[in-house]
N, C-alpha and C. Protein backbone atom coordinates (compact mmCIF):
# COMPACT_ATOMS: atom_id res chain seq x y z
N MET A 1 105.48 116.48 101.08
CA MET A 1 104.19 116.49 100.42
C MET A 1 104.09 117.68 99.45
N ARG A 2 104.62 118.82 99.88
CA ARG A 2 104.57 120.02 99.04
C ARG A 2 105.33 119.81 97.73
N TYR A 3 106.49 119.18 97.81
CA TYR A 3 107.29 118.90 96.63
C TYR A 3 106.53 117.99 95.66
N VAL A 4 105.85 116.99 96.19
CA VAL A 4 105.07 116.06 95.35
C VAL A 4 103.93 116.80 94.64
N VAL A 5 103.26 117.68 95.36
CA VAL A 5 102.16 118.44 94.76
C VAL A 5 102.67 119.37 93.66
N PHE A 6 103.74 120.11 93.93
CA PHE A 6 104.30 121.03 92.93
C PHE A 6 104.80 120.27 91.70
N SER A 7 105.46 119.14 91.93
CA SER A 7 105.97 118.34 90.81
C SER A 7 104.84 117.76 89.97
N ALA A 8 103.80 117.29 90.64
CA ALA A 8 102.64 116.75 89.91
C ALA A 8 101.95 117.84 89.09
N GLN A 9 101.80 119.03 89.68
CA GLN A 9 101.21 120.16 88.95
C GLN A 9 102.03 120.48 87.71
N TYR A 10 103.32 120.54 87.88
CA TYR A 10 104.23 120.87 86.79
C TYR A 10 104.12 119.83 85.68
N LEU A 11 104.16 118.56 86.05
CA LEU A 11 104.09 117.48 85.07
C LEU A 11 102.75 117.48 84.33
N ILE A 12 101.67 117.68 85.06
CA ILE A 12 100.34 117.73 84.44
C ILE A 12 100.26 118.90 83.47
N LEU A 13 100.73 120.07 83.87
CA LEU A 13 100.72 121.23 82.98
C LEU A 13 101.58 121.00 81.74
N LEU A 14 102.71 120.34 81.91
CA LEU A 14 103.55 120.05 80.75
C LEU A 14 102.80 119.15 79.76
N TYR A 15 102.12 118.13 80.27
CA TYR A 15 101.34 117.25 79.38
C TYR A 15 100.19 118.00 78.71
N VAL A 16 99.49 118.84 79.49
CA VAL A 16 98.35 119.59 78.94
C VAL A 16 98.80 120.56 77.85
N LEU A 17 99.98 121.14 78.02
CA LEU A 17 100.49 122.12 77.07
C LEU A 17 101.27 121.50 75.91
N GLY A 18 101.24 120.18 75.81
CA GLY A 18 101.79 119.51 74.65
C GLY A 18 103.28 119.21 74.68
N VAL A 19 103.88 119.27 75.87
CA VAL A 19 105.30 118.92 75.99
C VAL A 19 105.37 117.41 76.15
N GLU A 20 105.94 116.76 75.15
CA GLU A 20 106.00 115.29 75.17
C GLU A 20 107.28 114.83 75.84
N LEU A 21 107.12 114.11 76.95
CA LEU A 21 108.25 113.54 77.66
C LEU A 21 107.79 112.34 78.46
N VAL A 22 108.72 111.50 78.84
CA VAL A 22 108.43 110.35 79.68
C VAL A 22 108.27 110.85 81.12
N TRP A 23 107.26 110.37 81.83
CA TRP A 23 106.92 110.94 83.13
C TRP A 23 108.07 110.88 84.13
N TRP A 24 108.81 109.80 84.16
CA TRP A 24 109.89 109.70 85.15
C TRP A 24 111.06 110.61 84.79
N GLN A 25 111.29 110.81 83.49
CA GLN A 25 112.32 111.76 83.09
C GLN A 25 111.88 113.19 83.41
N GLY A 26 110.59 113.45 83.22
CA GLY A 26 110.04 114.76 83.56
C GLY A 26 110.18 115.05 85.04
N LEU A 27 109.86 114.07 85.88
CA LEU A 27 109.99 114.27 87.33
C LEU A 27 111.46 114.47 87.73
N LEU A 28 112.35 113.76 87.07
CA LEU A 28 113.78 113.93 87.35
C LEU A 28 114.23 115.35 86.99
N MET A 29 113.82 115.83 85.82
CA MET A 29 114.21 117.18 85.41
C MET A 29 113.54 118.25 86.27
N ILE A 30 112.29 118.02 86.67
CA ILE A 30 111.60 118.98 87.53
C ILE A 30 112.30 119.08 88.87
N SER A 31 112.73 117.94 89.43
CA SER A 31 113.46 117.99 90.70
C SER A 31 114.80 118.70 90.53
N THR A 32 115.43 118.54 89.37
CA THR A 32 116.68 119.25 89.10
C THR A 32 116.44 120.75 89.00
N ILE A 33 115.35 121.14 88.37
CA ILE A 33 114.99 122.56 88.28
C ILE A 33 114.78 123.14 89.67
N TYR A 34 114.05 122.43 90.53
CA TYR A 34 113.82 122.91 91.90
C TYR A 34 115.13 123.01 92.67
N LEU A 35 116.03 122.05 92.47
CA LEU A 35 117.32 122.08 93.15
C LEU A 35 118.14 123.29 92.72
N VAL A 36 118.21 123.53 91.42
CA VAL A 36 118.97 124.68 90.91
C VAL A 36 118.35 125.98 91.40
N MET A 37 117.03 126.09 91.38
CA MET A 37 116.38 127.32 91.82
C MET A 37 116.57 127.55 93.32
N ALA A 38 116.70 126.48 94.10
CA ALA A 38 116.95 126.63 95.53
C ALA A 38 118.38 127.10 95.80
N MET A 39 119.31 126.74 94.93
CA MET A 39 120.71 127.10 95.14
C MET A 39 121.06 128.48 94.61
N VAL A 40 120.34 128.98 93.63
CA VAL A 40 120.66 130.27 93.01
C VAL A 40 119.89 131.38 93.72
N PRO A 41 120.60 132.37 94.26
CA PRO A 41 119.90 133.48 94.92
C PRO A 41 119.25 134.40 93.88
N THR A 42 117.99 134.70 94.07
CA THR A 42 117.28 135.61 93.17
C THR A 42 116.38 136.54 93.97
N ILE A 43 115.94 137.61 93.31
CA ILE A 43 114.91 138.46 93.88
C ILE A 43 113.60 138.08 93.21
N ALA A 44 112.51 138.44 93.79
CA ALA A 44 111.20 137.97 93.33
C ALA A 44 110.91 138.34 91.87
N ILE A 45 111.30 139.53 91.44
CA ILE A 45 110.99 139.97 90.08
C ILE A 45 111.78 139.17 89.05
N ALA A 46 113.04 138.90 89.34
CA ALA A 46 113.90 138.19 88.39
C ALA A 46 113.69 136.68 88.44
N GLU A 47 112.99 136.18 89.45
CA GLU A 47 112.84 134.74 89.62
C GLU A 47 112.13 134.09 88.44
N LEU A 48 111.11 134.72 87.91
CA LEU A 48 110.36 134.13 86.80
C LEU A 48 111.23 133.97 85.56
N GLY A 49 112.03 134.96 85.23
CA GLY A 49 112.91 134.86 84.07
C GLY A 49 113.96 133.78 84.25
N LEU A 50 114.55 133.73 85.44
CA LEU A 50 115.56 132.71 85.71
C LEU A 50 114.94 131.31 85.72
N ARG A 51 113.77 131.20 86.32
CA ARG A 51 113.08 129.91 86.35
C ARG A 51 112.77 129.45 84.92
N GLY A 52 112.39 130.36 84.05
CA GLY A 52 112.12 130.02 82.65
C GLY A 52 113.37 129.53 81.94
N LYS A 53 114.49 130.22 82.15
CA LYS A 53 115.74 129.81 81.51
C LYS A 53 116.20 128.44 82.00
N VAL A 54 116.10 128.22 83.30
CA VAL A 54 116.50 126.92 83.86
C VAL A 54 115.59 125.82 83.34
N SER A 55 114.29 126.10 83.27
CA SER A 55 113.34 125.11 82.78
C SER A 55 113.60 124.76 81.32
N ILE A 56 113.86 125.77 80.50
CA ILE A 56 114.15 125.51 79.09
C ILE A 56 115.45 124.71 78.95
N TYR A 57 116.44 125.04 79.78
CA TYR A 57 117.71 124.32 79.69
C TYR A 57 117.52 122.83 80.00
N PHE A 58 116.86 122.51 81.10
CA PHE A 58 116.74 121.11 81.50
C PHE A 58 115.62 120.37 80.77
N LEU A 59 114.43 120.96 80.68
CA LEU A 59 113.34 120.28 79.99
C LEU A 59 113.54 120.30 78.47
N GLY A 60 114.32 121.26 77.99
CA GLY A 60 114.64 121.31 76.56
C GLY A 60 115.47 120.12 76.11
N LEU A 61 116.13 119.45 77.04
CA LEU A 61 116.85 118.24 76.71
C LEU A 61 115.90 117.09 76.37
N LEU A 62 114.66 117.18 76.86
CA LEU A 62 113.67 116.12 76.65
C LEU A 62 112.66 116.45 75.56
N SER A 63 112.40 117.74 75.34
CA SER A 63 111.37 118.13 74.37
C SER A 63 111.75 119.47 73.73
N PRO A 64 111.51 119.61 72.43
CA PRO A 64 111.81 120.88 71.76
C PRO A 64 110.71 121.94 71.91
N ASN A 65 109.63 121.62 72.60
CA ASN A 65 108.48 122.51 72.74
C ASN A 65 108.77 123.58 73.80
N THR A 66 109.52 124.62 73.41
CA THR A 66 109.88 125.66 74.38
C THR A 66 108.68 126.52 74.79
N ALA A 67 107.73 126.70 73.88
CA ALA A 67 106.54 127.49 74.23
C ALA A 67 105.74 126.80 75.33
N GLY A 68 105.60 125.49 75.23
CA GLY A 68 104.89 124.73 76.26
C GLY A 68 105.62 124.74 77.59
N ILE A 69 106.94 124.66 77.52
CA ILE A 69 107.75 124.68 78.75
C ILE A 69 107.62 126.03 79.45
N ILE A 70 107.72 127.11 78.69
CA ILE A 70 107.57 128.46 79.26
C ILE A 70 106.17 128.66 79.82
N ALA A 71 105.16 128.22 79.08
CA ALA A 71 103.78 128.38 79.55
C ALA A 71 103.54 127.60 80.85
N ALA A 72 104.08 126.40 80.95
CA ALA A 72 103.94 125.61 82.17
C ALA A 72 104.66 126.28 83.33
N THR A 73 105.85 126.82 83.08
CA THR A 73 106.62 127.48 84.11
C THR A 73 105.90 128.72 84.63
N VAL A 74 105.38 129.53 83.73
CA VAL A 74 104.65 130.73 84.12
C VAL A 74 103.37 130.35 84.86
N SER A 75 102.68 129.32 84.40
CA SER A 75 101.45 128.88 85.06
C SER A 75 101.71 128.40 86.47
N ILE A 76 102.77 127.62 86.67
CA ILE A 76 103.12 127.15 88.01
C ILE A 76 103.43 128.34 88.91
N TRP A 77 104.16 129.32 88.39
CA TRP A 77 104.50 130.51 89.16
C TRP A 77 103.23 131.28 89.55
N LEU A 78 102.32 131.43 88.60
CA LEU A 78 101.07 132.14 88.88
C LEU A 78 100.21 131.40 89.89
N ILE A 79 100.06 130.10 89.70
CA ILE A 79 99.19 129.29 90.56
C ILE A 79 99.73 129.22 91.98
N ASN A 80 101.01 129.03 92.14
CA ASN A 80 101.57 128.77 93.47
C ASN A 80 102.13 130.00 94.18
N LEU A 81 102.37 131.09 93.48
CA LEU A 81 102.91 132.29 94.14
C LEU A 81 101.98 133.49 94.04
N ILE A 82 101.57 133.83 92.85
CA ILE A 82 100.78 135.06 92.66
C ILE A 82 99.34 134.89 93.16
N LEU A 83 98.69 133.80 92.82
CA LEU A 83 97.31 133.59 93.22
C LEU A 83 97.15 133.58 94.75
N PRO A 84 97.96 132.82 95.51
CA PRO A 84 97.82 132.89 96.97
C PRO A 84 98.16 134.27 97.54
N ALA A 85 99.14 134.96 96.96
CA ALA A 85 99.48 136.30 97.44
C ALA A 85 98.33 137.27 97.20
N ALA A 86 97.71 137.18 96.03
CA ALA A 86 96.58 138.06 95.72
C ALA A 86 95.39 137.75 96.63
N MET A 87 95.12 136.48 96.84
CA MET A 87 94.00 136.10 97.72
C MET A 87 94.26 136.55 99.15
N GLY A 88 95.50 136.41 99.62
CA GLY A 88 95.84 136.86 100.97
C GLY A 88 95.71 138.37 101.11
N SER A 89 96.12 139.10 100.09
CA SER A 89 96.01 140.55 100.12
C SER A 89 94.56 140.99 100.16
N ILE A 90 93.75 140.34 99.36
CA ILE A 90 92.31 140.67 99.36
C ILE A 90 91.68 140.34 100.70
N LEU A 91 92.07 139.20 101.27
CA LEU A 91 91.55 138.79 102.56
C LEU A 91 91.95 139.79 103.65
N LEU A 92 93.23 140.19 103.65
CA LEU A 92 93.68 141.17 104.64
C LEU A 92 93.03 142.52 104.44
N LEU A 93 92.85 142.91 103.19
CA LEU A 93 92.17 144.17 102.92
C LEU A 93 90.73 144.11 103.41
N GLY A 94 90.08 142.99 103.20
CA GLY A 94 88.71 142.80 103.68
C GLY A 94 88.63 142.85 105.18
N VAL A 95 89.58 142.28 105.89
CA VAL A 95 89.60 142.32 107.35
C VAL A 95 89.80 143.75 107.83
N LYS A 96 90.70 144.49 107.16
CA LYS A 96 90.97 145.86 107.55
C LYS A 96 89.73 146.73 107.33
N ILE A 97 89.02 146.53 106.25
CA ILE A 97 87.82 147.32 105.95
C ILE A 97 86.74 147.04 106.99
N PHE A 98 86.57 145.76 107.36
CA PHE A 98 85.55 145.41 108.34
C PHE A 98 85.88 145.94 109.73
N LYS A 99 87.16 146.04 110.08
CA LYS A 99 87.55 146.58 111.39
C LYS A 99 87.28 148.08 111.47
N GLU A 100 87.40 148.79 110.35
CA GLU A 100 87.18 150.24 110.34
C GLU A 100 85.71 150.57 110.52
N LYS A 101 84.82 149.72 110.05
CA LYS A 101 83.39 149.99 110.15
C LYS A 101 82.97 149.67 111.55
């Protein structure tokens, strides 16, 4: 279910950002991107740059809109990794503050 949600988010963002591709080809390339990213060991800081390069390599075969591809990749990273981490940190900080009082 998680893979379907992430893939749908990615495909929707690609369409919103003007990357023109056929939906089934997009899903095929997105699954390839996820497969490559799962096989390549990275650290958290370098992951965004590597994910961008992999996305441009595979999605660039379908569309020349590299700005849209990069924007979608960064947006997916922000939505699914940074936003939950920030919300969790704020939540934990709030719990810690309330325990001290």
